[in-house]
Amino acid sequence: MARNLNILSYHLLIETNNNRLADRLNEDDFSAIKKADAVILPQGCKKELYEAATQYCDNVFPDYSAFYRYPGKIGQIKLFQKYKVPHPATLVFPDLASCKSVESADSPGYPLVFKFSWGGEGKNVYLLETAGQLDDCLQLAAEYEKKGNKGFILQEYIPVNGCSLRVVVMADKYISYWRCQDKGNNFYSNLARGAIIDRDYQPEMQGAAIVELKKFCSVTGINLAGFDFIFDPRQAQPVPLFLEINYFFRCHGLGGPDGYLELLTEAIREWLRKI
């Protein structure tokens, strides 16, 4: 794949001169990582493997340091806050005890968006228009906490008419496309919820989001993820608002599995050329 480099790949579909399975690590794995010039990991990489790779090799793709340091939607908000990127006004609650009622939360007012710290494709995300709906979510949070799952956020609702922008970063590649509900005014803009892909809509907004994302990735090290952006239509000149980071994103907007693999392979090649 690259010039006389010893490239160790744990990715099943990225073939190199040295491929291994990402199962339980053993001494052979540690030895192989130490000898490698570069290590390529799969999406969904276990923390044990990522820590071993980054401990013993200087060149590891993808960079999941932000993923492990700032986990879940709560972690993402903290990351946005750390680097002062624009995002919807958000209140973070690490557990139920920190938010007993909407009054104690000092919320920005209804409607609100309630998100549990885990989940994707619109799962565990709710639009709240009344205090009663918030109470229902807090009761659900109590049930989750009994099972060991804690943490949620309350977020300002921005009326985006069922459209959000996805920007995928793969090393130095940035691919953008809109996901829009054809019915309009739909809260969810996920493909899993019926949204359609539009690559040509609002190109200037796509470009603005990519510019901001490149800055963000340069300071966080993130080089494989799908970022969701929204724009507030109530603003005269809306700026891209960081909404979520999806480290394990679907490939529908990238040409399906084959298109995704082709893009990923080329991105890794470019990354290796810079080593």
C-alpha atoms as a PDB file:
ATOM      1  CA  MET A   1       0.000   0.000   0.000  1.00  0.00           C
ATOM      2  CA  ALA A   2       2.924   2.380   0.572  1.00  0.00           C
ATOM      3  CA  ARG A   3       6.676   2.645   0.022  1.00  0.00           C
ATOM      4  CA  ASN A   4       8.513  -0.166   1.819  1.00  0.00           C
ATOM      5  CA  LEU A   5       6.713   0.519   5.053  1.00  0.00           C
ATOM      6  CA  ASN A   6       5.902  -2.176   7.544  1.00  0.00           C
ATOM      7  CA  ILE A   7       2.173  -1.556   7.815  1.00  0.00           C
ATOM      8  CA  LEU A   8       0.201  -3.553  10.346  1.00  0.00           C
ATOM      9  CA  SER A   9      -3.545  -3.676   9.648  1.00  0.00           C
ATOM     10  CA  TYR A  10      -6.251  -4.834  12.035  1.00  0.00           C
ATOM     11  CA  HIS A  11      -8.881  -3.740   9.526  1.00  0.00           C
ATOM     12  CA  LEU A  12     -10.367  -6.775   7.787  1.00  0.00           C
ATOM     13  CA  LEU A  13     -10.808  -4.961   4.465  1.00  0.00           C
ATOM     14  CA  ILE A  14      -7.543  -3.005   4.368  1.00  0.00           C
ATOM     15  CA  GLU A  15      -4.909  -5.465   3.183  1.00  0.00           C
ATOM     16  CA  THR A  16      -1.249  -4.764   3.868  1.00  0.00           C
ATOM     17  CA  ASN A  17       1.933  -6.791   4.184  1.00  0.00           C
ATOM     18  CA  ASN A  18       0.893  -7.683   7.719  1.00  0.00           C
ATOM     19  CA  ASN A  19      -2.732  -8.285   8.713  1.00  0.00           C
ATOM     20  CA  ARG A  20      -3.905  -9.483  12.093  1.00  0.00           C
ATOM     21  CA  LEU A  21      -7.280 -10.114  13.709  1.00  0.00           C
ATOM     22  CA  ALA A  22      -8.446  -7.689  16.382  1.00  0.00           C
ATOM     23  CA  ASP A  23      -9.389 -10.323  18.917  1.00  0.00           C
ATOM     24  CA  ARG A  24      -7.734 -10.806  22.271  1.00  0.00           C
ATOM     25  CA  LEU A  25      -4.276  -9.212  22.290  1.00  0.00           C
ATOM     26  CA  ASN A  26      -1.235 -11.371  22.984  1.00  0.00           C
ATOM     27  CA  GLU A  27       2.543 -10.998  22.948  1.00  0.00           C
ATOM     28  CA  ASP A  28       2.632 -11.495  19.169  1.00  0.00           C
ATOM     29  CA  ASP A  29       0.396  -8.466  18.779  1.00  0.00           C
ATOM     30  CA  PHE A  30       2.587  -6.294  20.973  1.00  0.00           C
ATOM     31  CA  SER A  31       5.670  -7.433  19.077  1.00  0.00           C
ATOM     32  CA  ALA A  32       4.038  -6.750  15.700  1.00  0.00           C
ATOM     33  CA  ILE A  33       2.896  -3.281  16.782  1.00  0.00           C
ATOM     34  CA  LYS A  34       6.369  -2.362  18.039  1.00  0.00           C
ATOM     35  CA  LYS A  35       7.921  -3.351  14.703  1.00  0.00           C
ATOM     36  CA  ALA A  36       5.315  -1.558  12.588  1.00  0.00           C
ATOM     37  CA  ASP A  37       5.886   1.791  10.894  1.00  0.00           C
ATOM     38  CA  ALA A  38       2.130   2.335  10.908  1.00  0.00           C
ATOM     39  CA  VAL A  39      -0.940   0.625  12.364  1.00  0.00           C
ATOM     40  CA  ILE A  40      -4.392   0.715  10.775  1.00  0.00           C
ATOM     41  CA  LEU A  41      -7.323   0.000  13.067  1.00  0.00           C
ATOM     42  CA  PRO A  42     -10.972  -0.792  12.339  1.00  0.00           C
ATOM     43  CA  GLN A  43     -13.952   1.356  13.159  1.00  0.00           C
ATOM     44  CA  GLY A  44     -15.270   0.108  16.443  1.00  0.00           C
ATOM     45  CA  CYS A  45     -11.735  -0.489  17.675  1.00  0.00           C
ATOM     46  CA  LYS A  46     -11.603  -1.702  21.255  1.00  0.00           C
ATOM     47  CA  LYS A  47      -9.885   0.564  23.750  1.00  0.00           C
ATOM     48  CA  GLU A  48      -7.315  -2.100  24.649  1.00  0.00           C
ATOM     49  CA  LEU A  49      -6.156  -2.359  21.041  1.00  0.00           C
ATOM     50  CA  TYR A  50      -6.128   1.411  20.536  1.00  0.00           C
ATOM     51  CA  GLU A  51      -4.071   2.001  23.659  1.00  0.00           C
ATOM     52  CA  ALA A  52      -1.576  -0.706  22.691  1.00  0.00           C
ATOM     53  CA  ALA A  53      -1.242   0.672  19.164  1.00  0.00           C
ATOM     54  CA  THR A  54      -0.689   4.257  20.283  1.00  0.00           C
ATOM     55  CA  GLN A  55       1.690   3.220  23.045  1.00  0.00           C
ATOM     56  CA  TYR A  56       4.042   1.285  20.795  1.00  0.00           C
ATOM     57  CA  CYS A  57       3.647   2.972  17.397  1.00  0.00           C
ATOM     58  CA  ASP A  58       3.851   6.643  16.437  1.00  0.00           C
ATOM     59  CA  ASN A  59       1.577   6.348  13.396  1.00  0.00           C
ATOM     60  CA  VAL A  60      -1.916   5.010  14.079  1.00  0.00           C
ATOM     61  CA  PHE A  61      -5.052   5.465  11.968  1.00  0.00           C
ATOM     62  CA  PRO A  62      -7.700   6.431  12.875  1.00  0.00           C
ATOM     63  CA  ASP A  63      -6.997   8.806  15.742  1.00  0.00           C
ATOM     64  CA  TYR A  64      -9.524   7.898  18.447  1.00  0.00           C
ATOM     65  CA  SER A  65      -7.959   9.869  21.294  1.00  0.00           C
ATOM     66  CA  ALA A  66     -10.878  12.338  21.373  1.00  0.00           C
ATOM     67  CA  PHE A  67     -13.374   9.477  21.236  1.00  0.00           C
ATOM     68  CA  TYR A  68     -11.957   7.870  24.373  1.00  0.00           C
ATOM     69  CA  ARG A  69     -11.220  11.104  26.240  1.00  0.00           C
ATOM     70  CA  TYR A  70     -14.610  12.642  25.518  1.00  0.00           C
ATOM     71  CA  PRO A  71     -17.066   9.730  25.313  1.00  0.00           C
ATOM     72  CA  GLY A  72     -20.734   9.953  24.399  1.00  0.00           C
ATOM     73  CA  LYS A  73     -22.805  13.013  23.593  1.00  0.00           C
ATOM     74  CA  ILE A  74     -21.825  14.556  26.923  1.00  0.00           C
ATOM     75  CA  GLY A  75     -18.171  14.196  26.031  1.00  0.00           C
ATOM     76  CA  GLN A  76     -18.767  15.715  22.605  1.00  0.00           C
ATOM     77  CA  ILE A  77     -20.368  18.815  24.120  1.00  0.00           C
ATOM     78  CA  LYS A  78     -17.409  19.187  26.459  1.00  0.00           C
ATOM     79  CA  LEU A  79     -15.096  18.909  23.462  1.00  0.00           C
ATOM     80  CA  PHE A  80     -17.078  21.585  21.592  1.00  0.00           C
ATOM     81  CA  GLN A  81     -16.918  23.789  24.668  1.00  0.00           C
ATOM     82  CA  LYS A  82     -13.188  23.250  25.105  1.00  0.00           C
ATOM     83  CA  TYR A  83     -12.413  24.477  21.593  1.00  0.00           C
ATOM     84  CA  LYS A  84     -15.172  27.085  21.614  1.00  0.00           C
ATOM     85  CA  VAL A  85     -16.833  25.960  18.395  1.00  0.00           C
ATOM     86  CA  PRO A  86     -20.410  27.138  17.753  1.00  0.00           C
ATOM     87  CA  HIS A  87     -23.066  24.637  18.822  1.00  0.00           C
ATOM     88  CA  PRO A  88     -26.647  24.784  20.129  1.00  0.00           C
ATOM     89  CA  ALA A  89     -26.956  25.980  23.718  1.00  0.00           C
ATOM     90  CA  THR A  90     -26.638  22.842  25.829  1.00  0.00           C
ATOM     91  CA  LEU A  91     -26.966  21.810  29.456  1.00  0.00           C
ATOM     92  CA  VAL A  92     -25.065  18.694  30.536  1.00  0.00           C
ATOM     93  CA  PHE A  93     -26.275  16.318  33.248  1.00  0.00           C
ATOM     94  CA  PRO A  94     -23.991  13.430  34.222  1.00  0.00           C
ATOM     95  CA  ASP A  95     -26.811  11.734  36.135  1.00  0.00           C
ATOM     96  CA  LEU A  96     -30.429  12.118  37.172  1.00  0.00           C
ATOM     97  CA  ALA A  97     -29.591  13.658  40.543  1.00  0.00           C
ATOM     98  CA  SER A  98     -28.108  16.688  38.800  1.00  0.00           C
ATOM     99  CA  CYS A  99     -31.434  17.474  37.079  1.00  0.00           C
ATOM    100  CA  LYS A 100     -34.486  16.972  39.253  1.00  0.00           C
ATOM    101  CA  SER A 101     -36.786  19.264  37.287  1.00  0.00           C
ATOM    102  CA  VAL A 102     -36.812  21.655  34.372  1.00  0.00           C
ATOM    103  CA  GLU A 103     -36.806  24.536  36.832  1.00  0.00           C
ATOM    104  CA  SER A 104     -33.593  23.378  38.483  1.00  0.00           C
ATOM    105  CA  ALA A 105     -32.086  22.824  35.052  1.00  0.00           C
ATOM    106  CA  ASP A 106     -32.436  26.522  34.176  1.00  0.00           C
ATOM    107  CA  SER A 107     -33.305  25.420  30.646  1.00  0.00           C
ATOM    108  CA  PRO A 108     -33.502  27.775  27.661  1.00  0.00           C
ATOM    109  CA  GLY A 109     -37.257  27.155  27.413  1.00  0.00           C
ATOM    110  CA  TYR A 110     -39.505  24.904  25.357  1.00  0.00           C
ATOM    111  CA  PRO A 111     -39.283  23.335  22.918  1.00  0.00           C
ATOM    112  CA  LEU A 112     -36.174  21.469  24.060  1.00  0.00           C
ATOM    113  CA  VAL A 113     -34.183  18.559  22.720  1.00  0.00           C
ATOM    114  CA  PHE A 114     -33.457  15.760  25.179  1.00  0.00           C
ATOM    115  CA  LYS A 115     -30.590  13.401  24.321  1.00  0.00           C
ATOM    116  CA  PHE A 116     -29.225  10.490  26.246  1.00  0.00           C
ATOM    117  CA  SER A 117     -25.445  10.364  26.100  1.00  0.00           C
ATOM    118  CA  TRP A 118     -25.484   7.209  23.979  1.00  0.00           C
ATOM    119  CA  GLY A 119     -27.225   6.144  20.791  1.00  0.00           C
ATOM    120  CA  GLY A 120     -27.155   7.024  17.110  1.00  0.00           C
ATOM    121  CA  GLU A 121     -29.387   7.474  14.048  1.00  0.00           C
ATOM    122  CA  GLY A 122     -31.840   9.518  16.102  1.00  0.00           C
ATOM    123  CA  LYS A 123     -32.207   6.903  18.833  1.00  0.00           C
ATOM    124  CA  ASN A 124     -32.592   8.165  22.404  1.00  0.00           C
ATOM    125  CA  VAL A 125     -33.296  11.692  21.121  1.00  0.00           C
ATOM    126  CA  TYR A 126     -36.608  13.414  21.926  1.00  0.00           C
ATOM    127  CA  LEU A 127     -38.254  16.714  21.090  1.00  0.00           C
ATOM    128  CA  LEU A 128     -39.911  18.102  24.231  1.00  0.00           C
ATOM    129  CA  GLU A 129     -42.651  20.675  24.083  1.00  0.00           C
ATOM    130  CA  THR A 130     -44.017  20.426  27.625  1.00  0.00           C
ATOM    131  CA  ALA A 131     -42.779  19.909  31.174  1.00  0.00           C
ATOM    132  CA  GLY A 132     -44.749  16.668  31.232  1.00  0.00           C
ATOM    133  CA  GLN A 133     -42.680  15.299  28.346  1.00  0.00           C
ATOM    134  CA  LEU A 134     -39.507  16.207  30.201  1.00  0.00           C
ATOM    135  CA  ASP A 135     -40.764  14.373  33.273  1.00  0.00           C
ATOM    136  CA  ASP A 136     -41.366  11.304  31.068  1.00  0.00           C
ATOM    137  CA  CYS A 137     -37.767  11.459  29.855  1.00  0.00           C
ATOM    138  CA  LEU A 138     -36.472  11.843  33.393  1.00  0.00           C
ATOM    139  CA  GLN A 139     -38.447   8.763  34.403  1.00  0.00           C
ATOM    140  CA  LEU A 140     -36.847   6.921  31.478  1.00  0.00           C
ATOM    141  CA  ALA A 141     -33.457   8.178  32.657  1.00  0.00           C
ATOM    142  CA  ALA A 142     -34.191   6.663  36.077  1.00  0.00           C
ATOM    143  CA  GLU A 143     -34.856   3.287  34.446  1.00  0.00           C
ATOM    144  CA  TYR A 144     -31.612   3.513  32.474  1.00  0.00           C
ATOM    145  CA  GLU A 145     -29.652   4.404  35.606  1.00  0.00           C
ATOM    146  CA  LYS A 146     -30.875   1.233  37.281  1.00  0.00           C
ATOM    147  CA  LYS A 147     -29.124  -0.611  34.431  1.00  0.00           C
ATOM    148  CA  GLY A 148     -25.943   1.409  34.790  1.00  0.00           C
ATOM    149  CA  ASN A 149     -26.460   3.890  31.940  1.00  0.00           C
ATOM    150  CA  LYS A 150     -26.170   7.499  33.058  1.00  0.00           C
ATOM    151  CA  GLY A 151     -26.052  10.931  31.516  1.00  0.00           C
ATOM    152  CA  PHE A 152     -28.099  13.146  29.211  1.00  0.00           C
ATOM    153  CA  ILE A 153     -28.190  16.633  27.785  1.00  0.00           C
ATOM    154  CA  LEU A 154     -30.866  19.266  27.282  1.00  0.00           C
ATOM    155  CA  GLN A 155     -30.331  21.262  24.124  1.00  0.00           C
ATOM    156  CA  GLU A 156     -31.783  24.342  22.488  1.00  0.00           C
ATOM    157  CA  TYR A 157     -34.218  23.411  19.735  1.00  0.00           C
ATOM    158  CA  ILE A 158     -33.383  24.952  16.375  1.00  0.00           C
ATOM    159  CA  PRO A 159     -36.070  24.691  13.649  1.00  0.00           C
ATOM    160  CA  VAL A 160     -34.078  23.306  10.736  1.00  0.00           C
ATOM    161  CA  ASN A 161     -37.095  21.984   8.784  1.00  0.00           C
ATOM    162  CA  GLY A 162     -35.871  18.409   8.741  1.00  0.00           C
ATOM    163  CA  CYS A 163     -32.418  19.129   7.253  1.00  0.00           C
ATOM    164  CA  SER A 164     -28.963  18.534   8.681  1.00  0.00           C
ATOM    165  CA  LEU A 165     -25.556  18.510   7.052  1.00  0.00           C
ATOM    166  CA  ARG A 166     -23.270  15.497   7.351  1.00  0.00           C
ATOM    167  CA  VAL A 167     -19.555  16.060   6.745  1.00  0.00           C
ATOM    168  CA  VAL A 168     -17.390  12.949   6.760  1.00  0.00           C
ATOM    169  CA  VAL A 169     -13.692  13.313   7.428  1.00  0.00           C
ATOM    170  CA  MET A 170     -11.328  10.580   6.225  1.00  0.00           C
ATOM    171  CA  ALA A 171      -7.740  11.655   6.872  1.00  0.00           C
ATOM    172  CA  ASP A 172      -7.476  14.754   4.646  1.00  0.00           C
ATOM    173  CA  LYS A 173     -10.701  14.060   2.714  1.00  0.00           C
ATOM    174  CA  TYR A 174     -13.926  15.905   3.552  1.00  0.00           C
ATOM    175  CA  ILE A 175     -17.183  14.708   1.975  1.00  0.00           C
ATOM    176  CA  SER A 176     -20.402  16.617   2.623  1.00  0.00           C
ATOM    177  CA  TYR A 177     -24.073  16.047   1.881  1.00  0.00           C
ATOM    178  CA  TRP A 178     -27.420  17.129   3.265  1.00  0.00           C
ATOM    179  CA  ARG A 179     -29.966  14.778   4.785  1.00  0.00           C
ATOM    180  CA  CYS A 180     -33.469  16.181   4.423  1.00  0.00           C
ATOM    181  CA  GLN A 181     -36.982  14.989   5.085  1.00  0.00           C
ATOM    182  CA  ASP A 182     -39.100  15.559   1.975  1.00  0.00           C
ATOM    183  CA  LYS A 183     -42.111  16.379   4.140  1.00  0.00           C
ATOM    184  CA  GLY A 184     -40.330  19.283   5.824  1.00  0.00           C
ATOM    185  CA  ASN A 185     -40.683  20.414   9.440  1.00  0.00           C
ATOM    186  CA  ASN A 186     -39.690  16.953  10.565  1.00  0.00           C
ATOM    187  CA  PHE A 187     -37.657  16.822  13.751  1.00  0.00           C
ATOM    188  CA  TYR A 188     -35.511  13.887  12.627  1.00  0.00           C
ATOM    189  CA  SER A 189     -33.213  14.206   9.617  1.00  0.00           C
ATOM    190  CA  ASN A 190     -31.583  10.785   9.859  1.00  0.00           C
ATOM    191  CA  LEU A 191     -31.523   8.491   6.850  1.00  0.00           C
ATOM    192  CA  ALA A 192     -32.823   5.740   9.117  1.00  0.00           C
ATOM    193  CA  ARG A 193     -35.885   7.936   9.708  1.00  0.00           C
ATOM    194  CA  GLY A 194     -36.626   8.445   6.030  1.00  0.00           C
ATOM    195  CA  ALA A 195     -34.448  11.405   5.078  1.00  0.00           C
ATOM    196  CA  ILE A 196     -33.033  11.638   1.570  1.00  0.00           C
ATOM    197  CA  ILE A 197     -29.538  12.674   0.474  1.00  0.00           C
ATOM    198  CA  ASP A 198     -28.987  15.955  -1.341  1.00  0.00           C
ATOM    199  CA  ARG A 199     -25.405  16.751  -2.366  1.00  0.00           C
ATOM    200  CA  ASP A 200     -26.163  20.004  -4.192  1.00  0.00           C
ATOM    201  CA  TYR A 201     -28.305  21.930  -1.700  1.00  0.00           C
ATOM    202  CA  GLN A 202     -26.789  25.102  -0.196  1.00  0.00           C
ATOM    203  CA  PRO A 203     -23.173  24.595  -1.403  1.00  0.00           C
ATOM    204  CA  GLU A 204     -21.991  27.725   0.405  1.00  0.00           C
ATOM    205  CA  MET A 205     -23.156  26.285   3.724  1.00  0.00           C
ATOM    206  CA  GLN A 206     -21.404  23.017   2.953  1.00  0.00           C
ATOM    207  CA  GLY A 207     -18.199  24.920   2.270  1.00  0.00           C
ATOM    208  CA  ALA A 208     -18.511  26.940   5.479  1.00  0.00           C
ATOM    209  CA  ALA A 209     -18.951  23.771   7.551  1.00  0.00           C
ATOM    210  CA  ILE A 210     -15.913  22.134   5.952  1.00  0.00           C
ATOM    211  CA  VAL A 211     -13.777  25.193   6.704  1.00  0.00           C
ATOM    212  CA  GLU A 212     -14.757  25.087  10.387  1.00  0.00           C
ATOM    213  CA  LEU A 213     -14.392  21.324  10.581  1.00  0.00           C
ATOM    214  CA  LYS A 214     -10.849  21.407   9.190  1.00  0.00           C
ATOM    215  CA  LYS A 215      -9.880  23.798  11.983  1.00  0.00           C
ATOM    216  CA  PHE A 216     -11.537  21.566  14.577  1.00  0.00           C
ATOM    217  CA  CYS A 217      -9.901  18.382  13.310  1.00  0.00           C
ATOM    218  CA  SER A 218      -6.494  20.050  13.230  1.00  0.00           C
ATOM    219  CA  VAL A 219      -6.644  20.668  16.996  1.00  0.00           C
ATOM    220  CA  THR A 220      -8.467  17.489  18.069  1.00  0.00           C
ATOM    221  CA  GLY A 221      -6.699  15.007  15.785  1.00  0.00           C
ATOM    222  CA  ILE A 222      -9.993  13.455  14.634  1.00  0.00           C
ATOM    223  CA  ASN A 223      -9.457  11.948  11.182  1.00  0.00           C
ATOM    224  CA  LEU A 224     -12.272   9.440  10.732  1.00  0.00           C
ATOM    225  CA  ALA A 225     -15.799  10.460  11.722  1.00  0.00           C
ATOM    226  CA  GLY A 226     -19.091  11.793  10.447  1.00  0.00           C
ATOM    227  CA  PHE A 227     -19.943  15.241  11.819  1.00  0.00           C
ATOM    228  CA  ASP A 228     -23.483  16.591  11.895  1.00  0.00           C
ATOM    229  CA  PHE A 229     -24.093  20.316  11.450  1.00  0.00           C
ATOM    230  CA  ILE A 230     -27.216  22.424  11.514  1.00  0.00           C
ATOM    231  CA  PHE A 231     -27.859  26.063  10.605  1.00  0.00           C
ATOM    232  CA  ASP A 232     -30.276  28.369  12.400  1.00  0.00           C
ATOM    233  CA  PRO A 233     -32.648  29.757   9.717  1.00  0.00           C
ATOM    234  CA  ARG A 234     -33.627  32.584  12.066  1.00  0.00           C
ATOM    235  CA  GLN A 235     -30.186  34.141  11.672  1.00  0.00           C
ATOM    236  CA  ALA A 236     -29.474  36.529   8.796  1.00  0.00           C
ATOM    237  CA  GLN A 237     -26.123  34.843   8.200  1.00  0.00           C
ATOM    238  CA  PRO A 238     -26.323  31.431   9.882  1.00  0.00           C
ATOM    239  CA  VAL A 239     -23.071  29.816  10.929  1.00  0.00           C
ATOM    240  CA  PRO A 240     -22.482  26.056  10.974  1.00  0.00           C
ATOM    241  CA  LEU A 241     -23.406  24.697  14.392  1.00  0.00           C
ATOM    242  CA  PHE A 242     -21.625  21.536  15.517  1.00  0.00           C
ATOM    243  CA  LEU A 243     -24.296  19.051  16.547  1.00  0.00           C
ATOM    244  CA  GLU A 244     -22.752  15.589  16.962  1.00  0.00           C
ATOM    245  CA  ILE A 245     -19.724  13.452  16.140  1.00  0.00           C
ATOM    246  CA  ASN A 246     -20.423   9.984  14.761  1.00  0.00           C
ATOM    247  CA  TYR A 247     -17.310   7.822  14.965  1.00  0.00           C
ATOM    248  CA  PHE A 248     -19.205   4.764  13.730  1.00  0.00           C
ATOM    249  CA  PHE A 249     -21.209   6.188  10.867  1.00  0.00           C
ATOM    250  CA  ARG A 250     -23.140   4.509   8.089  1.00  0.00           C
ATOM    251  CA  CYS A 251     -21.980   4.619   4.481  1.00  0.00           C
ATOM    252  CA  HIS A 252     -25.227   5.337   2.588  1.00  0.00           C
ATOM    253  CA  GLY A 253     -24.076   8.815   1.632  1.00  0.00           C
ATOM    254  CA  LEU A 254     -20.658   7.576   0.526  1.00  0.00           C
ATOM    255  CA  GLY A 255     -21.736   5.199  -2.221  1.00  0.00           C
ATOM    256  CA  GLY A 256     -22.567   2.240  -0.010  1.00  0.00           C
ATOM    257  CA  PRO A 257     -20.026  -0.292   1.327  1.00  0.00           C
ATOM    258  CA  ASP A 258     -18.010  -0.381  -1.904  1.00  0.00           C
ATOM    259  CA  GLY A 259     -17.877   3.387  -2.223  1.00  0.00           C
ATOM    260  CA  TYR A 260     -16.959   3.766   1.421  1.00  0.00           C
ATOM    261  CA  LEU A 261     -14.130   1.236   1.134  1.00  0.00           C
ATOM    262  CA  GLU A 262     -12.756   2.946  -1.964  1.00  0.00           C
ATOM    263  CA  LEU A 263     -12.767   6.343  -0.253  1.00  0.00           C
ATOM    264  CA  LEU A 264     -11.265   4.951   2.935  1.00  0.00           C
ATOM    265  CA  THR A 265      -8.508   3.090   1.091  1.00  0.00           C
ATOM    266  CA  GLU A 266      -7.478   6.203  -0.832  1.00  0.00           C
ATOM    267  CA  ALA A 267      -7.585   8.310   2.353  1.00  0.00           C
ATOM    268  CA  ILE A 268      -5.303   5.837   4.123  1.00  0.00           C
ATOM    269  CA  ARG A 269      -2.929   5.849   1.159  1.00  0.00           C
ATOM    270  CA  GLU A 270      -2.692   9.627   1.378  1.00  0.00           C
ATOM    271  CA  TRP A 271      -2.162   9.423   5.141  1.00  0.00           C
ATOM    272  CA  LEU A 272       0.649   6.893   4.671  1.00  0.00           C
ATOM    273  CA  ARG A 273       2.397   9.041   2.081  1.00  0.00           C
ATOM    274  CA  LYS A 274       2.880  11.725   4.746  1.00  0.00           C
ATOM    275  CA  ILE A 275       4.594   9.427   7.223  1.00  0.00           C
END
